[in-house]
Amino acid sequence: MLEQLIQQWDDILLHLKEEHELLDVSYRTWLLPLKVYSVEGSVVTILAPDANMITYIRRKYGLILQVTIEEMTGFECTVDF
């Protein structure tokens, strides 16, 4: 599953941007820097470049990121940062 997520990551983020009508600046600032780190069981761990970003990203984008991953991969998961 990790390889599939890594391969689809750019498409997942772009789909999230389009589906939720995010501004380009929000997309570039908050989502593009995120990278898939690992998949353990049903937990997808995502890395952010700055620990201070994590609280905001988790609150603002955590759920919609999880839903978008599930929609595009069929993999039911929880997202952790």
C-alpha atoms as a PDB file:
ATOM      1  CA  MET A   1       0.000   0.000   0.000  1.00  0.00           C
ATOM      2  CA  LEU A   2       2.889   2.380   0.736  1.00  0.00           C
ATOM      3  CA  GLU A   3       4.167   2.234  -2.844  1.00  0.00           C
ATOM      4  CA  GLN A   4       0.672   2.800  -4.234  1.00  0.00           C
ATOM      5  CA  LEU A   5       0.193   5.862  -2.010  1.00  0.00           C
ATOM      6  CA  ILE A   6       3.574   7.281  -2.975  1.00  0.00           C
ATOM      7  CA  GLN A   7       2.802   6.789  -6.668  1.00  0.00           C
ATOM      8  CA  GLN A   8      -0.642   8.397  -6.355  1.00  0.00           C
ATOM      9  CA  TRP A   9       0.299  11.109  -3.847  1.00  0.00           C
ATOM     10  CA  ASP A  10       0.423  14.029  -6.307  1.00  0.00           C
ATOM     11  CA  ASP A  11      -2.930  12.968  -7.799  1.00  0.00           C
ATOM     12  CA  ILE A  12      -4.442  12.616  -4.308  1.00  0.00           C
ATOM     13  CA  LEU A  13      -3.355  16.126  -3.342  1.00  0.00           C
ATOM     14  CA  LEU A  14      -4.538  17.614  -6.638  1.00  0.00           C
ATOM     15  CA  HIS A  15      -7.910  15.882  -6.306  1.00  0.00           C
ATOM     16  CA  LEU A  16      -8.258  17.240  -2.765  1.00  0.00           C
ATOM     17  CA  LYS A  17      -7.437  20.752  -4.028  1.00  0.00           C
ATOM     18  CA  GLU A  18      -9.995  20.591  -6.826  1.00  0.00           C
ATOM     19  CA  GLU A  19     -12.722  18.820  -4.835  1.00  0.00           C
ATOM     20  CA  HIS A  20     -12.545  21.301  -1.964  1.00  0.00           C
ATOM     21  CA  GLU A  21     -11.760  24.343  -4.134  1.00  0.00           C
ATOM     22  CA  LEU A  22      -8.581  25.269  -2.277  1.00  0.00           C
ATOM     23  CA  LEU A  23      -6.726  28.382  -3.320  1.00  0.00           C
ATOM     24  CA  ASP A  24      -3.354  27.827  -4.991  1.00  0.00           C
ATOM     25  CA  VAL A  25      -1.556  29.532  -2.114  1.00  0.00           C
ATOM     26  CA  SER A  26      -3.152  27.196   0.453  1.00  0.00           C
ATOM     27  CA  TYR A  27      -2.406  24.176  -1.706  1.00  0.00           C
ATOM     28  CA  ARG A  28       1.249  25.139  -2.175  1.00  0.00           C
ATOM     29  CA  THR A  29       1.763  26.192   1.445  1.00  0.00           C
ATOM     30  CA  TRP A  30       0.014  23.429   3.354  1.00  0.00           C
ATOM     31  CA  LEU A  31      -0.420  20.378   1.115  1.00  0.00           C
ATOM     32  CA  LEU A  32       2.383  20.191  -1.448  1.00  0.00           C
ATOM     33  CA  PRO A  33       5.124  19.935   1.218  1.00  0.00           C
ATOM     34  CA  LEU A  34       3.469  16.827   2.734  1.00  0.00           C
ATOM     35  CA  LYS A  35       4.985  13.419   1.970  1.00  0.00           C
ATOM     36  CA  VAL A  36       3.807   9.887   2.717  1.00  0.00           C
ATOM     37  CA  TYR A  37       6.209   8.360   5.226  1.00  0.00           C
ATOM     38  CA  SER A  38       4.777   4.961   6.143  1.00  0.00           C
ATOM     39  CA  VAL A  39       1.748   2.693   6.248  1.00  0.00           C
ATOM     40  CA  GLU A  40       1.396   0.454   9.288  1.00  0.00           C
ATOM     41  CA  GLY A  41      -1.830  -1.491   9.416  1.00  0.00           C
ATOM     42  CA  SER A  42      -4.471   1.069   8.537  1.00  0.00           C
ATOM     43  CA  VAL A  43      -2.476   4.108   9.708  1.00  0.00           C
ATOM     44  CA  VAL A  44      -0.938   6.327   7.055  1.00  0.00           C
ATOM     45  CA  THR A  45       1.831   8.511   8.487  1.00  0.00           C
ATOM     46  CA  ILE A  46       2.531  11.749   6.661  1.00  0.00           C
ATOM     47  CA  LEU A  47       5.569  13.963   7.124  1.00  0.00           C
ATOM     48  CA  ALA A  48       5.411  17.737   7.229  1.00  0.00           C
ATOM     49  CA  PRO A  49       8.534  19.874   6.779  1.00  0.00           C
ATOM     50  CA  ASP A  50       7.916  21.814   9.979  1.00  0.00           C
ATOM     51  CA  ALA A  51       6.556  20.474  13.269  1.00  0.00           C
ATOM     52  CA  ASN A  52       4.726  23.769  13.828  1.00  0.00           C
ATOM     53  CA  MET A  53       2.607  23.110  10.720  1.00  0.00           C
ATOM     54  CA  ILE A  54       1.251  19.798  11.976  1.00  0.00           C
ATOM     55  CA  THR A  55      -1.405  21.131  14.367  1.00  0.00           C
ATOM     56  CA  TYR A  56      -2.910  23.365  11.687  1.00  0.00           C
ATOM     57  CA  ILE A  57      -2.729  20.713   8.971  1.00  0.00           C
ATOM     58  CA  ARG A  58      -4.267  18.061  11.221  1.00  0.00           C
ATOM     59  CA  ARG A  59      -7.172  20.334  12.151  1.00  0.00           C
ATOM     60  CA  LYS A  60      -7.780  21.878   8.728  1.00  0.00           C
ATOM     61  CA  TYR A  61      -6.939  19.056   6.309  1.00  0.00           C
ATOM     62  CA  GLY A  62      -6.672  15.810   8.284  1.00  0.00           C
ATOM     63  CA  LEU A  63     -10.182  14.490   7.690  1.00  0.00           C
ATOM     64  CA  ILE A  64     -10.481  15.563   4.061  1.00  0.00           C
ATOM     65  CA  LEU A  65      -7.048  14.091   3.372  1.00  0.00           C
ATOM     66  CA  GLN A  66      -8.139  10.784   4.896  1.00  0.00           C
ATOM     67  CA  VAL A  67     -11.368  10.756   2.874  1.00  0.00           C
ATOM     68  CA  THR A  68      -9.521  11.589  -0.352  1.00  0.00           C
ATOM     69  CA  ILE A  69      -6.997   8.779   0.222  1.00  0.00           C
ATOM     70  CA  GLU A  70      -9.874   6.356   0.825  1.00  0.00           C
ATOM     71  CA  GLU A  71     -11.777   7.529  -2.262  1.00  0.00           C
ATOM     72  CA  MET A  72      -8.797   7.302  -4.597  1.00  0.00           C
ATOM     73  CA  THR A  73      -7.186   4.097  -3.323  1.00  0.00           C
ATOM     74  CA  GLY A  74     -10.029   2.155  -1.724  1.00  0.00           C
ATOM     75  CA  PHE A  75      -7.823   1.819   1.379  1.00  0.00           C
ATOM     76  CA  GLU A  76      -9.704   2.603   4.593  1.00  0.00           C
ATOM     77  CA  CYS A  77      -7.249   4.363   6.853  1.00  0.00           C
ATOM     78  CA  THR A  78      -6.563   6.905   9.519  1.00  0.00           C
ATOM     79  CA  VAL A  79      -4.041   9.668   8.934  1.00  0.00           C
ATOM     80  CA  ASP A  80      -1.318  10.580  11.388  1.00  0.00           C
ATOM     81  CA  PHE A  81       1.378  13.240  11.132  1.00  0.00           C
END
